[in-house]
C-alpha atoms as a PDB file:
ATOM      1  CA  MET A   1     110.460 155.743  50.444  1.00  0.00           C
ATOM      2  CA  SER A   2     113.141 153.185  49.513  1.00  0.00           C
ATOM      3  CA  ALA A   3     113.957 150.600  52.032  1.00  0.00           C
ATOM      4  CA  PRO A   4     117.510 150.766  53.269  1.00  0.00           C
ATOM      5  CA  SER A   5     120.218 148.165  52.022  1.00  0.00           C
ATOM      6  CA  ILE A   6     121.843 146.216  54.652  1.00  0.00           C
ATOM      7  CA  ALA A   7     125.260 144.236  54.189  1.00  0.00           C
ATOM      8  CA  PRO A   8     124.482 141.491  51.332  1.00  0.00           C
ATOM      9  CA  PRO A   9     124.314 137.647  53.288  1.00  0.00           C
ATOM     10  CA  LEU A  10     127.818 136.908  54.591  1.00  0.00           C
ATOM     11  CA  ALA A  11     129.519 134.100  52.903  1.00  0.00           C
ATOM     12  CA  THR A  12     130.661 132.572  55.866  1.00  0.00           C
ATOM     13  CA  SER A  13     132.609 128.993  57.246  1.00  0.00           C
ATOM     14  CA  SER A  14     133.568 128.689  60.681  1.00  0.00           C
ATOM     15  CA  THR A  15     136.596 131.119  60.406  1.00  0.00           C
ATOM     16  CA  THR A  16     135.550 133.045  57.254  1.00  0.00           C
ATOM     17  CA  THR A  17     133.659 136.063  57.049  1.00  0.00           C
ATOM     18  CA  VAL A  18     133.670 137.461  53.093  1.00  0.00           C
ATOM     19  CA  ASN A  19     131.296 140.539  52.108  1.00  0.00           C
ATOM     20  CA  PRO A  20     131.806 142.254  48.767  1.00  0.00           C
ATOM     21  CA  ALA A  21     129.496 144.697  49.714  1.00  0.00           C
ATOM     22  CA  ASN A  22     130.193 147.779  47.339  1.00  0.00           C
ATOM     23  CA  ALA A  23     133.039 145.945  46.292  1.00  0.00           C
ATOM     24  CA  HIS A  24     135.960 148.430  45.448  1.00  0.00           C
ATOM     25  CA  ASP A  25     138.549 145.321  44.603  1.00  0.00           C
ATOM     26  CA  LEU A  26     136.618 141.756  45.600  1.00  0.00           C
ATOM     27  CA  THR A  27     140.630 140.193  45.711  1.00  0.00           C
ATOM     28  CA  ALA A  28     141.694 142.631  47.887  1.00  0.00           C
ATOM     29  CA  LYS A  29     138.831 142.164  50.534  1.00  0.00           C
ATOM     30  CA  GLN A  30     139.226 138.328  50.289  1.00  0.00           C
ATOM     31  CA  SER A  31     142.977 138.830  50.818  1.00  0.00           C
ATOM     32  CA  ALA A  32     142.051 140.875  54.082  1.00  0.00           C
ATOM     33  CA  SER A  33     139.523 138.794  55.219  1.00  0.00           C
ATOM     34  CA  HIS A  34     141.562 135.501  54.642  1.00  0.00           C
ATOM     35  CA  GLN A  35     144.776 137.449  56.892  1.00  0.00           C
ATOM     36  CA  TYR A  36     141.783 138.440  59.562  1.00  0.00           C
ATOM     37  CA  ASP A  37     140.685 134.708  59.542  1.00  0.00           C
ATOM     38  CA  GLU A  38     144.342 133.524  60.060  1.00  0.00           C
ATOM     39  CA  ILE A  39     144.418 135.847  63.339  1.00  0.00           C
ATOM     40  CA  LEU A  40     141.223 134.715  64.543  1.00  0.00           C
ATOM     41  CA  SER A  41     142.059 131.066  64.165  1.00  0.00           C
ATOM     42  CA  ARG A  42     145.049 131.744  65.980  1.00  0.00           C
ATOM     43  CA  SER A  43     143.472 133.522  69.014  1.00  0.00           C
ATOM     44  CA  GLN A  44     143.084 131.153  72.284  1.00  0.00           C
ATOM     45  CA  ASP A  45     140.668 134.365  73.518  1.00  0.00           C
ATOM     46  CA  LYS A  46     137.008 133.397  73.998  1.00  0.00           C
ATOM     47  CA  THR A  47     135.512 136.591  72.503  1.00  0.00           C
ATOM     48  CA  ASP A  48     137.961 135.954  69.348  1.00  0.00           C
ATOM     49  CA  LYS A  49     136.213 132.472  68.918  1.00  0.00           C
ATOM     50  CA  GLU A  50     132.840 134.815  68.106  1.00  0.00           C
ATOM     51  CA  LEU A  51     134.373 137.735  66.674  1.00  0.00           C
ATOM     52  CA  VAL A  52     133.584 139.144  63.104  1.00  0.00           C
ATOM     53  CA  VAL A  53     136.217 141.310  61.471  1.00  0.00           C
ATOM     54  CA  ARG A  54     135.487 142.934  58.284  1.00  0.00           C
ATOM     55  CA  GLU A  55     137.107 145.675  55.910  1.00  0.00           C
ATOM     56  CA  VAL A  56     133.568 147.198  54.988  1.00  0.00           C
ATOM     57  CA  THR A  57     135.414 149.704  52.660  1.00  0.00           C
ATOM     58  CA  PRO A  58     139.060 150.687  52.168  1.00  0.00           C
ATOM     59  CA  GLY A  59     140.520 152.007  55.561  1.00  0.00           C
ATOM     60  CA  ILE A  60     137.472 151.549  57.574  1.00  0.00           C
ATOM     61  CA  VAL A  61     137.308 147.825  59.637  1.00  0.00           C
ATOM     62  CA  THR A  62     134.701 146.492  61.677  1.00  0.00           C
ATOM     63  CA  PHE A  63     134.767 144.526  64.972  1.00  0.00           C
ATOM     64  CA  SER A  64     131.354 142.511  65.907  1.00  0.00           C
ATOM     65  CA  ILE A  65     130.647 140.516  68.473  1.00  0.00           C
ATOM     66  CA  PRO A  66     127.379 139.261  69.704  1.00  0.00           C
ATOM     67  CA  PHE A  67     125.954 141.435  72.856  1.00  0.00           C
ATOM     68  CA  SER A  68     122.984 141.529  74.962  1.00  0.00           C
ATOM     69  CA  ARG A  69     121.213 144.004  76.693  1.00  0.00           C
ATOM     70  CA  GLY A  70     118.428 143.333  79.340  1.00  0.00           C
ATOM     71  CA  GLY A  71     118.162 139.634  77.827  1.00  0.00           C
ATOM     72  CA  LEU A  72     117.646 140.822  74.029  1.00  0.00           C
ATOM     73  CA  PRO A  73     120.601 140.268  71.487  1.00  0.00           C
ATOM     74  CA  ILE A  74     121.656 143.609  70.004  1.00  0.00           C
ATOM     75  CA  GLY A  75     124.932 142.800  69.256  1.00  0.00           C
ATOM     76  CA  GLY A  76     128.333 145.179  69.884  1.00  0.00           C
ATOM     77  CA  ARG A  77     130.590 146.764  67.405  1.00  0.00           C
ATOM     78  CA  SER A  78     134.014 148.604  67.464  1.00  0.00           C
ATOM     79  CA  THR A  79     135.218 150.573  64.163  1.00  0.00           C
ATOM     80  CA  ALA A  80     138.397 151.566  63.320  1.00  0.00           C
ATOM     81  CA  ILE A  81     139.148 154.249  60.840  1.00  0.00           C
ATOM     82  CA  ARG A  82     142.491 154.794  59.149  1.00  0.00           C
ATOM     83  CA  HIS A  83     143.042 158.699  58.116  1.00  0.00           C
ATOM     84  CA  SER A  84     144.847 159.391  55.395  1.00  0.00           C
ATOM     85  CA  SER A  85     147.858 160.292  57.114  1.00  0.00           C
ATOM     86  CA  GLY A  86     147.892 156.368  58.248  1.00  0.00           C
ATOM     87  CA  ASP A  87     146.728 157.125  61.672  1.00  0.00           C
ATOM     88  CA  LEU A  88     143.859 155.261  63.464  1.00  0.00           C
ATOM     89  CA  LEU A  89     140.659 156.349  65.153  1.00  0.00           C
ATOM     90  CA  LEU A  90     138.975 153.903  66.878  1.00  0.00           C
ATOM     91  CA  TYR A  91     135.717 153.944  68.078  1.00  0.00           C
ATOM     92  CA  VAL A  92     135.717 151.794  71.200  1.00  0.00           C
ATOM     93  CA  SER A  93     133.025 149.943  72.246  1.00  0.00           C
ATOM     94  CA  HIS A  94     133.759 145.895  72.281  1.00  0.00           C
ATOM     95  CA  PRO A  95     136.610 144.373  74.543  1.00  0.00           C
ATOM     96  CA  HIS A  96     140.687 144.928  73.334  1.00  0.00           C
ATOM     97  CA  THR A  97     141.211 141.339  72.561  1.00  0.00           C
ATOM     98  CA  PRO A  98     144.432 139.547  71.052  1.00  0.00           C
ATOM     99  CA  ALA A  99     143.190 139.195  67.545  1.00  0.00           C
ATOM    100  CA  THR A 100     141.727 143.045  67.650  1.00  0.00           C
ATOM    101  CA  ALA A 101     144.898 144.168  68.639  1.00  0.00           C
ATOM    102  CA  GLU A 102     146.682 141.969  65.855  1.00  0.00           C
ATOM    103  CA  VAL A 103     144.469 143.355  63.241  1.00  0.00           C
ATOM    104  CA  ILE A 104     144.891 147.129  64.334  1.00  0.00           C
ATOM    105  CA  ALA A 105     148.386 146.743  64.460  1.00  0.00           C
ATOM    106  CA  GLY A 106     148.355 145.404  60.804  1.00  0.00           C
ATOM    107  CA  MET A 107     146.349 148.360  59.380  1.00  0.00           C
ATOM    108  CA  GLY A 108     149.240 150.369  60.086  1.00  0.00           C
ATOM    109  CA  GLY A 109     149.980 153.771  61.376  1.00  0.00           C
ATOM    110  CA  GLU A 110     149.471 154.929  65.161  1.00  0.00           C
ATOM    111  CA  VAL A 111     146.314 154.958  67.349  1.00  0.00           C
ATOM    112  CA  LYS A 112     145.786 158.265  67.789  1.00  0.00           C
ATOM    113  CA  TRP A 113     142.575 158.817  68.618  1.00  0.00           C
ATOM    114  CA  LEU A 114     140.264 156.711  71.106  1.00  0.00           C
ATOM    115  CA  VAL A 115     136.505 157.773  70.590  1.00  0.00           C
ATOM    116  CA  THR A 116     133.580 157.010  72.809  1.00  0.00           C
ATOM    117  CA  PRO A 117     130.331 156.631  70.982  1.00  0.00           C
ATOM    118  CA  ASP A 118     128.145 157.687  73.740  1.00  0.00           C
ATOM    119  CA  GLY A 119     127.761 158.047  77.617  1.00  0.00           C
ATOM    120  CA  GLU A 120     127.218 154.456  78.032  1.00  0.00           C
ATOM    121  CA  HIS A 121     129.586 152.575  75.579  1.00  0.00           C
ATOM    122  CA  GLY A 122     133.004 152.998  78.347  1.00  0.00           C
ATOM    123  CA  ILE A 123     132.938 149.719  80.035  1.00  0.00           C
ATOM    124  CA  ASN A 124     135.875 148.441  77.978  1.00  0.00           C
ATOM    125  CA  PHE A 125     137.782 152.034  77.169  1.00  0.00           C
ATOM    126  CA  LYS A 126     140.505 151.604  79.632  1.00  0.00           C
ATOM    127  CA  GLN A 127     141.445 148.405  78.121  1.00  0.00           C
ATOM    128  CA  TYR A 128     142.050 150.582  75.139  1.00  0.00           C
ATOM    129  CA  HIS A 129     143.800 153.537  76.692  1.00  0.00           C
ATOM    130  CA  GLY A 130     146.298 151.144  78.580  1.00  0.00           C
ATOM    131  CA  ALA A 131     147.325 149.323  75.206  1.00  0.00           C
ATOM    132  CA  TYR A 132     147.477 152.742  73.433  1.00  0.00           C
ATOM    133  CA  PRO A 133     148.560 155.260  76.316  1.00  0.00           C
ATOM    134  CA  SER A 134     149.579 158.436  73.684  1.00  0.00           C
ATOM    135  CA  ALA A 135     146.279 157.893  71.903  1.00  0.00           C
ATOM    136  CA  GLN A 136     143.961 161.282  72.470  1.00  0.00           C
ATOM    137  CA  THR A 137     141.190 159.995  74.407  1.00  0.00           C
ATOM    138  CA  ILE A 138     137.794 162.170  73.460  1.00  0.00           C
ATOM    139  CA  GLY A 139     134.353 161.179  75.131  1.00  0.00           C
ATOM    140  CA  VAL A 140     131.454 162.987  76.488  1.00  0.00           C
ATOM    141  CA  PRO A 141     131.543 164.855  80.049  1.00  0.00           C
ATOM    142  CA  ARG A 142     129.966 161.893  82.144  1.00  0.00           C
ATOM    143  CA  PHE A 143     133.379 160.203  81.527  1.00  0.00           C
ATOM    144  CA  LYS A 144     134.916 162.940  83.740  1.00  0.00           C
ATOM    145  CA  ASP A 145     133.694 161.083  86.680  1.00  0.00           C
ATOM    146  CA  LYS A 146     132.808 157.621  85.461  1.00  0.00           C
ATOM    147  CA  LEU A 147     136.602 157.315  84.057  1.00  0.00           C
ATOM    148  CA  SER A 148     137.958 159.737  86.367  1.00  0.00           C
ATOM    149  CA  GLU A 149     141.335 157.875  85.987  1.00  0.00           C
ATOM    150  CA  ILE A 150     141.856 158.691  82.390  1.00  0.00           C
ATOM    151  CA  LYS A 151     143.162 162.281  81.328  1.00  0.00           C
ATOM    152  CA  TRP A 152     140.815 163.216  78.763  1.00  0.00           C
ATOM    153  CA  THR A 153     142.174 165.172  76.004  1.00  0.00           C
ATOM    154  CA  GLY A 154     138.333 166.226  75.282  1.00  0.00           C
ATOM    155  CA  LEU A 155     135.180 166.109  76.180  1.00  0.00           C
ATOM    156  CA  PHE A 156     132.538 167.409  73.907  1.00  0.00           C
ATOM    157  CA  GLY A 157     130.218 169.290  76.064  1.00  0.00           C
ATOM    158  CA  ALA A 158     132.711 170.214  78.192  1.00  0.00           C
ATOM    159  CA  GLY A 159     135.427 172.171  75.830  1.00  0.00           C
ATOM    160  CA  GLY A 160     136.180 169.522  73.654  1.00  0.00           C
ATOM    161  CA  GLU A 161     134.232 170.478  70.978  1.00  0.00           C
ATOM    162  CA  THR A 162     136.172 173.562  70.113  1.00  0.00           C
ATOM    163  CA  GLN A 163     139.520 171.733  70.085  1.00  0.00           C
ATOM    164  CA  LYS A 164     141.465 170.624  66.778  1.00  0.00           C
ATOM    165  CA  TYR A 165     142.472 166.663  67.136  1.00  0.00           C
ATOM    166  CA  GLY A 166     144.508 166.612  63.669  1.00  0.00           C
ATOM    167  CA  PHE A 167     141.952 164.431  61.750  1.00  0.00           C
ATOM    168  CA  GLU A 168     139.351 167.422  60.872  1.00  0.00           C
ATOM    169  CA  ASP A 169     140.300 167.496  57.518  1.00  0.00           C
ATOM    170  CA  GLU A 170     138.770 164.022  56.918  1.00  0.00           C
ATOM    171  CA  ILE A 171     136.756 163.365  60.020  1.00  0.00           C
ATOM    172  CA  SER A 172     134.528 164.992  62.291  1.00  0.00           C
ATOM    173  CA  LEU A 173     132.643 164.352  65.592  1.00  0.00           C
ATOM    174  CA  HIS A 174     129.193 165.093  66.448  1.00  0.00           C
ATOM    175  CA  ARG A 175     127.061 165.421  69.661  1.00  0.00           C
ATOM    176  CA  VAL A 176     123.625 164.619  70.548  1.00  0.00           C
ATOM    177  CA  SER A 177     123.227 165.504  74.232  1.00  0.00           C
ATOM    178  CA  ALA A 178     119.317 165.469  73.810  1.00  0.00           C
ATOM    179  CA  HIS A 179     119.812 161.708  73.738  1.00  0.00           C
ATOM    180  CA  LEU A 180     119.370 160.132  77.198  1.00  0.00           C
ATOM    181  CA  ASN A 181     122.793 158.290  76.467  1.00  0.00           C
ATOM    182  CA  ASP A 182     124.888 161.522  75.279  1.00  0.00           C
ATOM    183  CA  GLU A 183     125.717 160.083  71.870  1.00  0.00           C
ATOM    184  CA  LEU A 184     128.894 161.356  70.169  1.00  0.00           C
ATOM    185  CA  LEU A 185     128.729 160.197  66.161  1.00  0.00           C
ATOM    186  CA  VAL A 186     131.799 160.051  64.192  1.00  0.00           C
ATOM    187  CA  HIS A 187     131.313 161.231  60.523  1.00  0.00           C
ATOM    188  CA  HIS A 188     134.020 160.161  58.055  1.00  0.00           C
ATOM    189  CA  ALA A 189     133.781 161.998  54.778  1.00  0.00           C
ATOM    190  CA  PRO A 190     135.887 160.547  52.190  1.00  0.00           C
ATOM    191  CA  SER A 191     133.742 157.008  52.166  1.00  0.00           C
ATOM    192  CA  GLY A 192     130.574 158.866  53.157  1.00  0.00           C
ATOM    193  CA  THR A 193     130.265 156.563  56.465  1.00  0.00           C
ATOM    194  CA  LEU A 194     128.579 157.586  59.347  1.00  0.00           C
ATOM    195  CA  LEU A 195     129.004 155.679  62.674  1.00  0.00           C
ATOM    196  CA  GLU A 196     126.573 155.933  65.664  1.00  0.00           C
ATOM    197  CA  ALA A 197     125.869 153.978  68.968  1.00  0.00           C
ATOM    198  CA  ASP A 198     122.383 153.939  70.215  1.00  0.00           C
ATOM    199  CA  MET A 199     120.769 156.645  67.790  1.00  0.00           C
ATOM    200  CA  LEU A 200     119.836 153.618  65.586  1.00  0.00           C
ATOM    201  CA  PHE A 201     119.578 150.057  66.085  1.00  0.00           C
ATOM    202  CA  ASN A 202     119.334 147.682  63.274  1.00  0.00           C
ATOM    203  CA  LEU A 203     118.278 144.541  64.054  1.00  0.00           C
ATOM    204  CA  PRO A 204     118.620 141.513  63.845  1.00  0.00           C
ATOM    205  CA  PRO A 205     122.191 141.542  64.563  1.00  0.00           C
ATOM    206  CA  ASN A 206     123.466 139.010  61.848  1.00  0.00           C
ATOM    207  CA  GLU A 207     126.635 139.563  61.272  1.00  0.00           C
ATOM    208  CA  GLN A 208     127.431 140.215  64.813  1.00  0.00           C
ATOM    209  CA  TYR A 209     126.140 136.552  65.737  1.00  0.00           C
ATOM    210  CA  SER A 210     127.131 134.991  62.564  1.00  0.00           C
ATOM    211  CA  ARG A 211     130.114 132.864  64.399  1.00  0.00           C
ATOM    212  CA  ALA A 212     127.991 132.279  67.501  1.00  0.00           C
ATOM    213  CA  GLY A 213     125.898 129.442  65.779  1.00  0.00           C
ATOM    214  CA  GLY A 214     123.615 132.486  64.517  1.00  0.00           C
ATOM    215  CA  ILE A 215     120.430 134.674  65.845  1.00  0.00           C
ATOM    216  CA  PRO A 216     119.298 132.971  69.076  1.00  0.00           C
ATOM    217  CA  THR A 217     116.370 130.691  68.649  1.00  0.00           C
ATOM    218  CA  LEU A 218     114.150 132.598  70.799  1.00  0.00           C
ATOM    219  CA  MET A 219     114.839 135.596  68.824  1.00  0.00           C
ATOM    220  CA  LYS A 220     113.728 134.180  65.910  1.00  0.00           C
ATOM    221  CA  MET A 221     110.556 132.952  67.459  1.00  0.00           C
ATOM    222  CA  MET A 222     109.894 136.390  68.539  1.00  0.00           C
ATOM    223  CA  GLY A 223     110.355 138.122  64.923  1.00  0.00           C
ATOM    224  CA  GLY A 224     113.881 138.613  65.241  1.00  0.00           C
ATOM    225  CA  GLY A 225     113.854 141.925  66.449  1.00  0.00           C
ATOM    226  CA  HIS A 226     112.673 144.025  63.692  1.00  0.00           C
ATOM    227  CA  THR A 227     110.511 146.262  65.701  1.00  0.00           C
ATOM    228  CA  MET A 228     114.162 147.415  66.716  1.00  0.00           C
ATOM    229  CA  ALA A 229     114.960 148.482  63.410  1.00  0.00           C
ATOM    230  CA  PRO A 230     114.268 151.778  61.343  1.00  0.00           C
ATOM    231  CA  GLY A 231     110.942 151.752  60.850  1.00  0.00           C
ATOM    232  CA  GLY A 232     110.047 149.267  63.731  1.00  0.00           C
ATOM    233  CA  THR A 233     107.342 150.028  66.224  1.00  0.00           C
ATOM    234  CA  VAL A 234     109.526 149.671  69.158  1.00  0.00           C
ATOM    235  CA  HIS A 235     112.333 151.688  67.762  1.00  0.00           C
ATOM    236  CA  GLY A 236     109.943 154.773  66.807  1.00  0.00           C
ATOM    237  CA  TRP A 237     108.498 154.287  70.628  1.00  0.00           C
ATOM    238  CA  MET A 238     112.440 154.378  71.784  1.00  0.00           C
ATOM    239  CA  ALA A 239     113.401 157.111  69.697  1.00  0.00           C
ATOM    240  CA  SER A 240     110.853 159.676  71.566  1.00  0.00           C
ATOM    241  CA  SER A 241     111.026 158.505  75.009  1.00  0.00           C
ATOM    242  CA  ILE A 242     114.882 159.001  75.093  1.00  0.00           C
ATOM    243  CA  SER A 243     114.948 162.371  73.687  1.00  0.00           C
ATOM    244  CA  LYS A 244     113.115 164.907  76.186  1.00  0.00           C
ATOM    245  CA  ASP A 245     114.031 168.553  74.859  1.00  0.00           C
ATOM    246  CA  LYS A 246     112.745 167.973  71.406  1.00  0.00           C
ATOM    247  CA  GLU A 247     114.286 171.692  70.273  1.00  0.00           C
ATOM    248  CA  LEU A 248     117.555 170.521  71.418  1.00  0.00           C
ATOM    249  CA  LEU A 249     117.580 167.337  69.498  1.00  0.00           C
ATOM    250  CA  ARG A 250     116.221 169.348  66.356  1.00  0.00           C
ATOM    251  CA  LYS A 251     119.281 171.686  66.600  1.00  0.00           C
ATOM    252  CA  GLU A 252     121.985 168.981  67.601  1.00  0.00           C
ATOM    253  CA  LEU A 253     120.665 166.664  64.447  1.00  0.00           C
ATOM    254  CA  ALA A 254     120.461 169.266  62.059  1.00  0.00           C
ATOM    255  CA  PRO A 255     124.618 169.419  61.516  1.00  0.00           C
ATOM    256  CA  ILE A 256     124.572 165.444  61.029  1.00  0.00           C
ATOM    257  CA  LEU A 257     121.909 165.782  58.180  1.00  0.00           C
ATOM    258  CA  ALA A 258     123.914 168.635  56.133  1.00  0.00           C
ATOM    259  CA  LEU A 259     126.922 166.185  55.981  1.00  0.00           C
ATOM    260  CA  LYS A 260     126.977 163.689  52.799  1.00  0.00           C
ATOM    261  CA  TRP A 261     126.953 160.071  53.844  1.00  0.00           C
ATOM    262  CA  ASP A 262     124.943 157.209  53.103  1.00  0.00           C
ATOM    263  CA  ARG A 263     126.399 154.302  54.557  1.00  0.00           C
ATOM    264  CA  ILE A 264     125.409 153.488  58.768  1.00  0.00           C
ATOM    265  CA  ILE A 265     127.816 151.252  60.523  1.00  0.00           C
ATOM    266  CA  PRO A 266     125.974 151.180  64.111  1.00  0.00           C
ATOM    267  CA  CYS A 267     127.485 149.655  67.338  1.00  0.00           C
ATOM    268  CA  HIS A 268     123.963 147.316  67.493  1.00  0.00           C
ATOM    269  CA  GLY A 269     122.508 145.430  64.479  1.00  0.00           C
ATOM    270  CA  ASP A 270     123.825 145.075  60.761  1.00  0.00           C
ATOM    271  CA  VAL A 271     125.854 147.847  58.802  1.00  0.00           C
ATOM    272  CA  ILE A 272     123.556 149.644  56.490  1.00  0.00           C
ATOM    273  CA  GLU A 273     125.719 149.672  53.443  1.00  0.00           C
ATOM    274  CA  THR A 274     123.479 151.862  51.413  1.00  0.00           C
ATOM    275  CA  GLY A 275     120.115 153.956  52.146  1.00  0.00           C
ATOM    276  CA  GLY A 276     121.228 155.341  55.561  1.00  0.00           C
ATOM    277  CA  ARG A 277     119.977 158.528  55.035  1.00  0.00           C
ATOM    278  CA  ALA A 278     116.034 156.794  54.176  1.00  0.00           C
ATOM    279  CA  ALA A 279     116.560 154.627  57.510  1.00  0.00           C
ATOM    280  CA  TRP A 280     117.674 157.504  59.656  1.00  0.00           C
ATOM    281  CA  ASP A 281     114.913 159.892  58.610  1.00  0.00           C
ATOM    282  CA  GLN A 282     112.560 156.916  59.658  1.00  0.00           C
ATOM    283  CA  VAL A 283     113.784 157.178  63.086  1.00  0.00           C
ATOM    284  CA  TRP A 284     114.773 160.471  63.505  1.00  0.00           C
ATOM    285  CA  GLY A 285     112.741 162.632  60.164  1.00  0.00           C
ATOM    286  CA  LYS A 286     109.981 163.608  62.425  1.00  0.00           C
ATOM    287  CA  PHE A 287     111.983 165.607  65.101  1.00  0.00           C
ATOM    288  CA  VAL A 288     113.717 167.455  62.192  1.00  0.00           C
ATOM    289  CA  ASN A 289     110.894 168.062  59.593  1.00  0.00           C
END
């Protein structure tokens, strides 16, 4: 099985992040990166000082930050997708910072959809709902109680999966309730990209720590977290332990595998630019084959 190809090393300065992976137009990428640099340099927000903004492919922009869970640096990431209509879908995870707001505004169009990556990534959702109150809000059932103050447009698992939101010609959502965190994945058909939260980690989180001095020294000393990457021993154990109903898991994974995609944008760890399906199979293949 071939190894997945993550994004090539970032060309960085204190305020610059350029990544020519799958370069559709390097000049355009550099221009966008320069624009993001200027936005980040103007912000006095603490989070923005370490935020990495990158256009992964035309119409998809990621917002990456340092983040630790239980003392383990895993990184955090939100993703914005521009639909061909110009409207935007936000896969919400990181704080809604001033630079984030400015970059989103510069993508053009209206923020029309706010999506929770799973039942645990809701800590910053209210910030986005406050900033884009007319956006449709889409999540999973546990948010009916956890974020009861939000009037949810649709909750997958509570009828939301049968609704139409207006993005279905290019984007589809897929719930994996067999996962302990109740995952809600996004598939963007035009670019062959899969967005996910806790289904797959791709540590170490190099990009997410690239403006924060790099991966913490202790993590480097402990191997950089590679055991929490596809094929890693800890990742394999975690995948098995957090999905109790294996038959339900198999049924929920099947529609995702039927789609065409090879890039994975995880909330935790580096983007897998190519070889995403092989990486996915390293984690979840044993449950569907």
